[in-house]
Amino acid sequence: MRFCLYMIAVTVLLVPPGRSAGLVQGARIVPVVKSDPRSGQLVTTIVLTGKVAGAIQPTASRSGRTPSAEVKTLVDLAAKDYDVAPELVHSVIQVESNYDQFAVSPKGAQGLMQLMPATAKRFGVTDTFDPKQNIEAGVRYLKFLQKTFKDDRLAIAAYNAGEGAVQRYGSVPPYPETVDYVAKVGKRIGQAQQAETAKRVAEKKEAAVEAPEYRRLATTVGADGRVYLSTQ
């Protein structure tokens, strides 16, 4: 009986621009012999086993990333233009994508602020992986939600669960993911505010130490009728 050998490429990764495909850790070649139902011949298939490393992981598993100077500038500009606190924007980005420009969620949300295709289209985004377009649209959406619900907590919940869900429940929807999301964003906002307060206090202390101390000038009239100057 004749054997036919087929080499099969295993694991094809679709990677967004700027990402590299994963490598196979602990790769092992395993021959699998099966009967081809069409020809009746035995076919040996070479299967490559192992754990794929470097593939895109869910957003929540990434940590420790900090924003680039470009992203900081874009957030500051968009936050100022649309009157949204930059701490809120940074907190949403950190929880959504951890500053990964090419992040893609299992549900299809894309980019730094994880815009869904419908939201991106709604705000005129042509490239969700472009930081400027993504951040501006995300900030505009946050501002819209703030105006709609008059409550930052509900705005954050709506950013995760959708406007309809918040309107339906009249509060944060009781979805575990949304409840957790609101808590995470709120925690990061608090941390950012505390860090900013500590920074300002430190700057004031530093300025007080560096500033020279001036003694006040006092004038007195002596018994001889002359004016004498002294410092207190």
C-alpha atoms as a PDB file:
ATOM      1  CA  MET A   1       0.000   0.000   0.000  1.00  0.00           C
ATOM      2  CA  ARG A   2       1.316   3.419  -0.902  1.00  0.00           C
ATOM      3  CA  PHE A   3       1.720   6.272   1.563  1.00  0.00           C
ATOM      4  CA  CYS A   4       1.151   9.901   0.680  1.00  0.00           C
ATOM      5  CA  LEU A   5       2.902  12.522   2.751  1.00  0.00           C
ATOM      6  CA  TYR A   6       1.299  15.893   3.236  1.00  0.00           C
ATOM      7  CA  MET A   7       2.962  18.773   5.017  1.00  0.00           C
ATOM      8  CA  ILE A   8       0.344  20.974   6.612  1.00  0.00           C
ATOM      9  CA  ALA A   9       1.029  24.488   7.806  1.00  0.00           C
ATOM     10  CA  VAL A  10      -0.350  24.789  11.282  1.00  0.00           C
ATOM     11  CA  THR A  11      -1.781  27.892  12.920  1.00  0.00           C
ATOM     12  CA  VAL A  12      -2.340  30.898  10.696  1.00  0.00           C
ATOM     13  CA  LEU A  13      -2.495  34.162  12.645  1.00  0.00           C
ATOM     14  CA  LEU A  14      -4.226  37.237  11.323  1.00  0.00           C
ATOM     15  CA  VAL A  15      -2.231  40.081  12.812  1.00  0.00           C
ATOM     16  CA  PRO A  16      -3.078  43.803  12.653  1.00  0.00           C
ATOM     17  CA  PRO A  17      -0.439  46.174  11.295  1.00  0.00           C
ATOM     18  CA  GLY A  18       2.456  46.600  13.681  1.00  0.00           C
ATOM     19  CA  ARG A  19       2.055  43.167  15.298  1.00  0.00           C
ATOM     20  CA  SER A  20       4.214  40.117  14.676  1.00  0.00           C
ATOM     21  CA  ALA A  21       2.985  36.545  14.508  1.00  0.00           C
ATOM     22  CA  GLY A  22       3.638  34.247  17.449  1.00  0.00           C
ATOM     23  CA  LEU A  23       6.251  31.536  17.679  1.00  0.00           C
ATOM     24  CA  VAL A  24       5.602  27.944  18.624  1.00  0.00           C
ATOM     25  CA  GLN A  25       7.074  27.019  21.971  1.00  0.00           C
ATOM     26  CA  GLY A  26       8.137  23.442  22.583  1.00  0.00           C
ATOM     27  CA  ALA A  27       7.287  22.496  18.985  1.00  0.00           C
ATOM     28  CA  ARG A  28       6.983  18.749  18.295  1.00  0.00           C
ATOM     29  CA  ILE A  29       6.312  16.955  15.006  1.00  0.00           C
ATOM     30  CA  VAL A  30       3.710  14.210  15.363  1.00  0.00           C
ATOM     31  CA  PRO A  31       2.885  11.940  12.375  1.00  0.00           C
ATOM     32  CA  VAL A  32      -0.806  10.986  12.215  1.00  0.00           C
ATOM     33  CA  VAL A  33      -1.845   8.161   9.875  1.00  0.00           C
ATOM     34  CA  LYS A  34      -5.413   8.229   8.552  1.00  0.00           C
ATOM     35  CA  SER A  35      -7.298   6.612   5.750  1.00  0.00           C
ATOM     36  CA  ASP A  36      -8.341   8.946   2.940  1.00  0.00           C
ATOM     37  CA  PRO A  37     -12.103   8.218   2.419  1.00  0.00           C
ATOM     38  CA  ARG A  38     -11.927   9.223  -1.239  1.00  0.00           C
ATOM     39  CA  SER A  39      -8.899   7.210  -2.384  1.00  0.00           C
ATOM     40  CA  GLY A  40      -8.784   4.510   0.263  1.00  0.00           C
ATOM     41  CA  GLN A  41      -5.062   5.186   0.715  1.00  0.00           C
ATOM     42  CA  LEU A  42      -3.339   5.707   4.021  1.00  0.00           C
ATOM     43  CA  VAL A  43      -2.276   9.299   4.419  1.00  0.00           C
ATOM     44  CA  THR A  44       0.361  10.479   6.871  1.00  0.00           C
ATOM     45  CA  THR A  45      -0.229  13.982   8.108  1.00  0.00           C
ATOM     46  CA  ILE A  46       2.547  15.869   9.869  1.00  0.00           C
ATOM     47  CA  VAL A  47       1.068  17.819  12.791  1.00  0.00           C
ATOM     48  CA  LEU A  48       3.066  20.537  14.563  1.00  0.00           C
ATOM     49  CA  THR A  49       2.142  20.781  18.220  1.00  0.00           C
ATOM     50  CA  GLY A  50       3.110  23.334  20.821  1.00  0.00           C
ATOM     51  CA  LYS A  51       1.922  26.494  22.475  1.00  0.00           C
ATOM     52  CA  VAL A  52       1.653  29.595  20.332  1.00  0.00           C
ATOM     53  CA  ALA A  53       3.460  32.497  21.974  1.00  0.00           C
ATOM     54  CA  GLY A  54       3.154  36.168  21.143  1.00  0.00           C
ATOM     55  CA  ALA A  55      -0.367  35.933  19.753  1.00  0.00           C
ATOM     56  CA  ILE A  56      -2.802  38.704  20.573  1.00  0.00           C
ATOM     57  CA  GLN A  57      -4.085  38.189  24.082  1.00  0.00           C
ATOM     58  CA  PRO A  58      -7.259  39.578  25.650  1.00  0.00           C
ATOM     59  CA  THR A  59      -6.855  43.167  26.783  1.00  0.00           C
ATOM     60  CA  ALA A  60      -7.264  42.331  30.466  1.00  0.00           C
ATOM     61  CA  SER A  61      -4.154  40.106  30.503  1.00  0.00           C
ATOM     62  CA  ARG A  62      -1.776  42.907  29.528  1.00  0.00           C
ATOM     63  CA  SER A  63      -0.339  45.172  32.186  1.00  0.00           C
ATOM     64  CA  GLY A  64       2.391  47.657  32.902  1.00  0.00           C
ATOM     65  CA  ARG A  65       2.153  49.660  29.695  1.00  0.00           C
ATOM     66  CA  THR A  66       2.526  53.440  29.832  1.00  0.00           C
ATOM     67  CA  PRO A  67       1.305  56.003  27.291  1.00  0.00           C
ATOM     68  CA  SER A  68       3.718  57.420  24.745  1.00  0.00           C
ATOM     69  CA  ALA A  69       4.359  61.155  24.505  1.00  0.00           C
ATOM     70  CA  GLU A  70       2.215  61.205  21.353  1.00  0.00           C
ATOM     71  CA  VAL A  71      -0.737  59.555  23.082  1.00  0.00           C
ATOM     72  CA  LYS A  72      -0.437  61.899  26.087  1.00  0.00           C
ATOM     73  CA  THR A  73      -0.546  64.907  23.762  1.00  0.00           C
ATOM     74  CA  LEU A  74      -3.502  63.538  21.804  1.00  0.00           C
ATOM     75  CA  VAL A  75      -5.438  62.833  25.006  1.00  0.00           C
ATOM     76  CA  ASP A  76      -4.707  66.302  26.399  1.00  0.00           C
ATOM     77  CA  LEU A  77      -5.821  68.016  23.186  1.00  0.00           C
ATOM     78  CA  ALA A  78      -9.005  65.966  22.764  1.00  0.00           C
ATOM     79  CA  ALA A  79      -9.894  66.276  26.458  1.00  0.00           C
ATOM     80  CA  LYS A  80      -9.500  70.053  26.273  1.00  0.00           C
ATOM     81  CA  ASP A  81     -11.440  70.369  22.995  1.00  0.00           C
ATOM     82  CA  TYR A  82     -14.440  68.386  24.281  1.00  0.00           C
ATOM     83  CA  ASP A  83     -14.229  69.368  27.971  1.00  0.00           C
ATOM     84  CA  VAL A  84     -13.615  65.863  29.306  1.00  0.00           C
ATOM     85  CA  ALA A  85     -11.250  65.224  32.215  1.00  0.00           C
ATOM     86  CA  PRO A  86      -7.983  63.768  30.875  1.00  0.00           C
ATOM     87  CA  GLU A  87      -7.881  61.445  33.906  1.00  0.00           C
ATOM     88  CA  LEU A  88     -11.139  59.886  32.712  1.00  0.00           C
ATOM     89  CA  VAL A  89      -9.822  59.410  29.174  1.00  0.00           C
ATOM     90  CA  HIS A  90      -6.560  57.846  30.345  1.00  0.00           C
ATOM     91  CA  SER A  91      -8.412  55.557  32.748  1.00  0.00           C
ATOM     92  CA  VAL A  92     -10.737  54.327  30.002  1.00  0.00           C
ATOM     93  CA  ILE A  93      -7.817  53.715  27.633  1.00  0.00           C
ATOM     94  CA  GLN A  94      -5.873  51.859  30.314  1.00  0.00           C
ATOM     95  CA  VAL A  95      -8.765  49.539  31.108  1.00  0.00           C
ATOM     96  CA  GLU A  96      -9.866  49.125  27.488  1.00  0.00           C
ATOM     97  CA  SER A  97      -6.536  48.459  25.728  1.00  0.00           C
ATOM     98  CA  ASN A  98      -3.727  49.262  28.148  1.00  0.00           C
ATOM     99  CA  TYR A  99      -2.425  51.737  25.547  1.00  0.00           C
ATOM    100  CA  ASP A 100      -2.170  49.077  22.824  1.00  0.00           C
ATOM    101  CA  GLN A 101      -2.763  50.928  19.547  1.00  0.00           C
ATOM    102  CA  PHE A 102      -3.566  47.691  17.702  1.00  0.00           C
ATOM    103  CA  ALA A 103      -5.689  45.979  20.346  1.00  0.00           C
ATOM    104  CA  VAL A 104      -8.673  43.995  19.038  1.00  0.00           C
ATOM    105  CA  SER A 105     -11.227  42.468  21.410  1.00  0.00           C
ATOM    106  CA  PRO A 106     -13.104  39.196  20.795  1.00  0.00           C
ATOM    107  CA  LYS A 107     -16.227  41.317  20.190  1.00  0.00           C
ATOM    108  CA  GLY A 108     -14.514  43.372  17.481  1.00  0.00           C
ATOM    109  CA  ALA A 109     -13.670  46.562  19.394  1.00  0.00           C
ATOM    110  CA  GLN A 110     -10.506  48.145  18.029  1.00  0.00           C
ATOM    111  CA  GLY A 111      -7.690  50.491  18.911  1.00  0.00           C
ATOM    112  CA  LEU A 112      -6.699  52.433  22.015  1.00  0.00           C
ATOM    113  CA  MET A 113     -10.254  53.268  23.105  1.00  0.00           C
ATOM    114  CA  GLN A 114     -11.688  50.014  21.756  1.00  0.00           C
ATOM    115  CA  LEU A 115     -14.216  51.496  19.357  1.00  0.00           C
ATOM    116  CA  MET A 116     -16.854  49.165  17.997  1.00  0.00           C
ATOM    117  CA  PRO A 117     -17.244  49.415  14.205  1.00  0.00           C
ATOM    118  CA  ALA A 118     -20.655  51.092  14.546  1.00  0.00           C
ATOM    119  CA  THR A 119     -19.291  53.677  16.991  1.00  0.00           C
ATOM    120  CA  ALA A 120     -16.294  54.362  14.774  1.00  0.00           C
ATOM    121  CA  LYS A 121     -18.566  54.913  11.791  1.00  0.00           C
ATOM    122  CA  ARG A 122     -20.874  57.095  13.879  1.00  0.00           C
ATOM    123  CA  PHE A 123     -18.009  59.486  14.641  1.00  0.00           C
ATOM    124  CA  GLY A 124     -16.451  59.460  11.186  1.00  0.00           C
ATOM    125  CA  VAL A 125     -13.432  57.274  11.914  1.00  0.00           C
ATOM    126  CA  THR A 126     -11.797  55.859   8.783  1.00  0.00           C
ATOM    127  CA  ASP A 127      -8.916  54.073  10.523  1.00  0.00           C
ATOM    128  CA  THR A 128      -9.557  52.771  14.035  1.00  0.00           C
ATOM    129  CA  PHE A 129      -5.866  51.993  14.504  1.00  0.00           C
ATOM    130  CA  ASP A 130      -4.901  55.634  13.957  1.00  0.00           C
ATOM    131  CA  PRO A 131      -4.339  57.052  17.483  1.00  0.00           C
ATOM    132  CA  LYS A 132      -5.595  60.540  16.649  1.00  0.00           C
ATOM    133  CA  GLN A 133      -8.868  59.379  15.074  1.00  0.00           C
ATOM    134  CA  ASN A 134      -9.432  56.717  17.712  1.00  0.00           C
ATOM    135  CA  ILE A 135      -8.842  58.973  20.721  1.00  0.00           C
ATOM    136  CA  GLU A 136     -10.837  61.885  19.337  1.00  0.00           C
ATOM    137  CA  ALA A 137     -13.819  59.658  18.565  1.00  0.00           C
ATOM    138  CA  GLY A 138     -13.593  57.951  21.963  1.00  0.00           C
ATOM    139  CA  VAL A 139     -13.495  61.288  23.785  1.00  0.00           C
ATOM    140  CA  ARG A 140     -16.410  62.619  21.727  1.00  0.00           C
ATOM    141  CA  TYR A 141     -18.392  59.517  22.633  1.00  0.00           C
ATOM    142  CA  LEU A 142     -17.554  59.940  26.332  1.00  0.00           C
ATOM    143  CA  LYS A 143     -18.728  63.559  26.162  1.00  0.00           C
ATOM    144  CA  PHE A 144     -21.957  62.482  24.492  1.00  0.00           C
ATOM    145  CA  LEU A 145     -22.549  59.917  27.241  1.00  0.00           C
ATOM    146  CA  GLN A 146     -21.826  62.487  29.947  1.00  0.00           C
ATOM    147  CA  LYS A 147     -24.372  64.871  28.458  1.00  0.00           C
ATOM    148  CA  THR A 148     -26.905  62.066  28.041  1.00  0.00           C
ATOM    149  CA  PHE A 149     -26.743  60.594  31.543  1.00  0.00           C
ATOM    150  CA  LYS A 150     -25.493  63.603  33.578  1.00  0.00           C
ATOM    151  CA  ASP A 151     -23.441  61.167  35.631  1.00  0.00           C
ATOM    152  CA  ASP A 152     -19.853  60.038  34.965  1.00  0.00           C
ATOM    153  CA  ARG A 153     -20.502  56.631  36.525  1.00  0.00           C
ATOM    154  CA  LEU A 154     -23.379  55.965  34.149  1.00  0.00           C
ATOM    155  CA  ALA A 155     -21.376  57.361  31.242  1.00  0.00           C
ATOM    156  CA  ILE A 156     -18.590  54.886  31.981  1.00  0.00           C
ATOM    157  CA  ALA A 157     -21.112  52.041  32.244  1.00  0.00           C
ATOM    158  CA  ALA A 158     -22.666  53.039  28.914  1.00  0.00           C
ATOM    159  CA  TYR A 159     -19.227  53.131  27.263  1.00  0.00           C
ATOM    160  CA  ASN A 160     -18.923  49.442  28.158  1.00  0.00           C
ATOM    161  CA  ALA A 161     -22.471  48.097  27.963  1.00  0.00           C
ATOM    162  CA  GLY A 162     -24.070  50.544  25.538  1.00  0.00           C
ATOM    163  CA  GLU A 163     -26.497  53.413  25.953  1.00  0.00           C
ATOM    164  CA  GLY A 164     -29.550  51.190  25.679  1.00  0.00           C
ATOM    165  CA  ALA A 165     -28.536  48.976  28.604  1.00  0.00           C
ATOM    166  CA  VAL A 166     -28.064  51.945  30.947  1.00  0.00           C
ATOM    167  CA  GLN A 167     -31.354  53.511  29.832  1.00  0.00           C
ATOM    168  CA  ARG A 168     -33.126  50.193  30.312  1.00  0.00           C
ATOM    169  CA  TYR A 169     -31.915  49.709  33.897  1.00  0.00           C
ATOM    170  CA  GLY A 170     -31.688  53.372  34.849  1.00  0.00           C
ATOM    171  CA  SER A 171     -28.377  52.620  36.559  1.00  0.00           C
ATOM    172  CA  VAL A 172     -25.231  50.573  36.030  1.00  0.00           C
ATOM    173  CA  PRO A 173     -26.443  47.371  34.310  1.00  0.00           C
ATOM    174  CA  PRO A 174     -26.030  44.310  36.554  1.00  0.00           C
ATOM    175  CA  TYR A 175     -23.649  42.642  34.124  1.00  0.00           C
ATOM    176  CA  PRO A 176     -20.528  41.324  35.915  1.00  0.00           C
ATOM    177  CA  GLU A 177     -18.299  42.660  33.142  1.00  0.00           C
ATOM    178  CA  THR A 178     -19.823  46.154  33.309  1.00  0.00           C
ATOM    179  CA  VAL A 179     -19.827  46.321  37.104  1.00  0.00           C
ATOM    180  CA  ASP A 180     -16.166  45.292  37.105  1.00  0.00           C
ATOM    181  CA  TYR A 181     -15.385  47.751  34.311  1.00  0.00           C
ATOM    182  CA  VAL A 182     -16.917  50.716  36.164  1.00  0.00           C
ATOM    183  CA  ALA A 183     -14.993  49.765  39.306  1.00  0.00           C
ATOM    184  CA  LYS A 184     -11.679  49.503  37.444  1.00  0.00           C
ATOM    185  CA  VAL A 185     -12.086  52.818  35.627  1.00  0.00           C
ATOM    186  CA  GLY A 186     -13.196  54.535  38.840  1.00  0.00           C
ATOM    187  CA  LYS A 187     -10.202  53.139  40.724  1.00  0.00           C
ATOM    188  CA  ARG A 188      -7.772  54.416  38.097  1.00  0.00           C
ATOM    189  CA  ILE A 189      -9.381  57.851  38.090  1.00  0.00           C
ATOM    190  CA  GLY A 190      -8.938  58.003  41.873  1.00  0.00           C
ATOM    191  CA  GLN A 191      -5.307  56.930  41.587  1.00  0.00           C
ATOM    192  CA  ALA A 192      -4.644  59.547  38.881  1.00  0.00           C
ATOM    193  CA  GLN A 193      -6.240  62.286  40.985  1.00  0.00           C
ATOM    194  CA  GLN A 194      -4.225  61.297  44.054  1.00  0.00           C
ATOM    195  CA  ALA A 195      -1.014  61.284  42.014  1.00  0.00           C
ATOM    196  CA  GLU A 196      -1.804  64.738  40.624  1.00  0.00           C
ATOM    197  CA  THR A 197      -2.538  66.095  44.114  1.00  0.00           C
ATOM    198  CA  ALA A 198       0.705  64.633  45.481  1.00  0.00           C
ATOM    199  CA  LYS A 199       2.607  66.153  42.556  1.00  0.00           C
ATOM    200  CA  ARG A 200       1.179  69.627  43.229  1.00  0.00           C
ATOM    201  CA  VAL A 201       1.945  69.396  46.956  1.00  0.00           C
ATOM    202  CA  ALA A 202       5.534  68.376  46.182  1.00  0.00           C
ATOM    203  CA  GLU A 203       5.907  71.248  43.711  1.00  0.00           C
ATOM    204  CA  LYS A 204       4.645  73.751  46.297  1.00  0.00           C
ATOM    205  CA  LYS A 205       7.067  72.431  48.915  1.00  0.00           C
ATOM    206  CA  GLU A 206       9.935  72.630  46.444  1.00  0.00           C
ATOM    207  CA  ALA A 207       9.011  76.186  45.491  1.00  0.00           C
ATOM    208  CA  ALA A 208       8.817  77.185  49.175  1.00  0.00           C
ATOM    209  CA  VAL A 209      12.302  75.804  49.840  1.00  0.00           C
ATOM    210  CA  GLU A 210      13.829  77.509  46.806  1.00  0.00           C
ATOM    211  CA  ALA A 211      12.165  80.898  47.374  1.00  0.00           C
ATOM    212  CA  PRO A 212      14.434  83.323  49.287  1.00  0.00           C
ATOM    213  CA  GLU A 213      13.087  84.611  52.590  1.00  0.00           C
ATOM    214  CA  TYR A 214      12.713  88.387  52.690  1.00  0.00           C
ATOM    215  CA  ARG A 215      12.558  90.274  55.983  1.00  0.00           C
ATOM    216  CA  ARG A 216      10.190  93.227  56.221  1.00  0.00           C
ATOM    217  CA  LEU A 217      11.530  96.748  56.374  1.00  0.00           C
ATOM    218  CA  ALA A 218      10.597  98.812  59.425  1.00  0.00           C
ATOM    219  CA  THR A 219      11.042 102.528  60.033  1.00  0.00           C
ATOM    220  CA  THR A 220      11.433 104.267  63.390  1.00  0.00           C
ATOM    221  CA  VAL A 221      11.996 107.866  64.397  1.00  0.00           C
ATOM    222  CA  GLY A 222      14.743 108.383  66.929  1.00  0.00           C
ATOM    223  CA  ALA A 223      14.861 110.867  69.777  1.00  0.00           C
ATOM    224  CA  ASP A 224      17.081 113.008  67.603  1.00  0.00           C
ATOM    225  CA  GLY A 225      14.306 113.264  65.014  1.00  0.00           C
ATOM    226  CA  ARG A 226      16.078 111.093  62.465  1.00  0.00           C
ATOM    227  CA  VAL A 227      14.378 108.224  60.626  1.00  0.00           C
ATOM    228  CA  TYR A 228      16.027 104.876  61.136  1.00  0.00           C
ATOM    229  CA  LEU A 229      15.488 101.835  58.878  1.00  0.00           C
ATOM    230  CA  SER A 230      15.691  98.278  60.127  1.00  0.00           C
ATOM    231  CA  THR A 231      14.525  94.802  59.167  1.00  0.00           C
ATOM    232  CA  GLN A 232      12.251  92.717  61.307  1.00  0.00           C
END
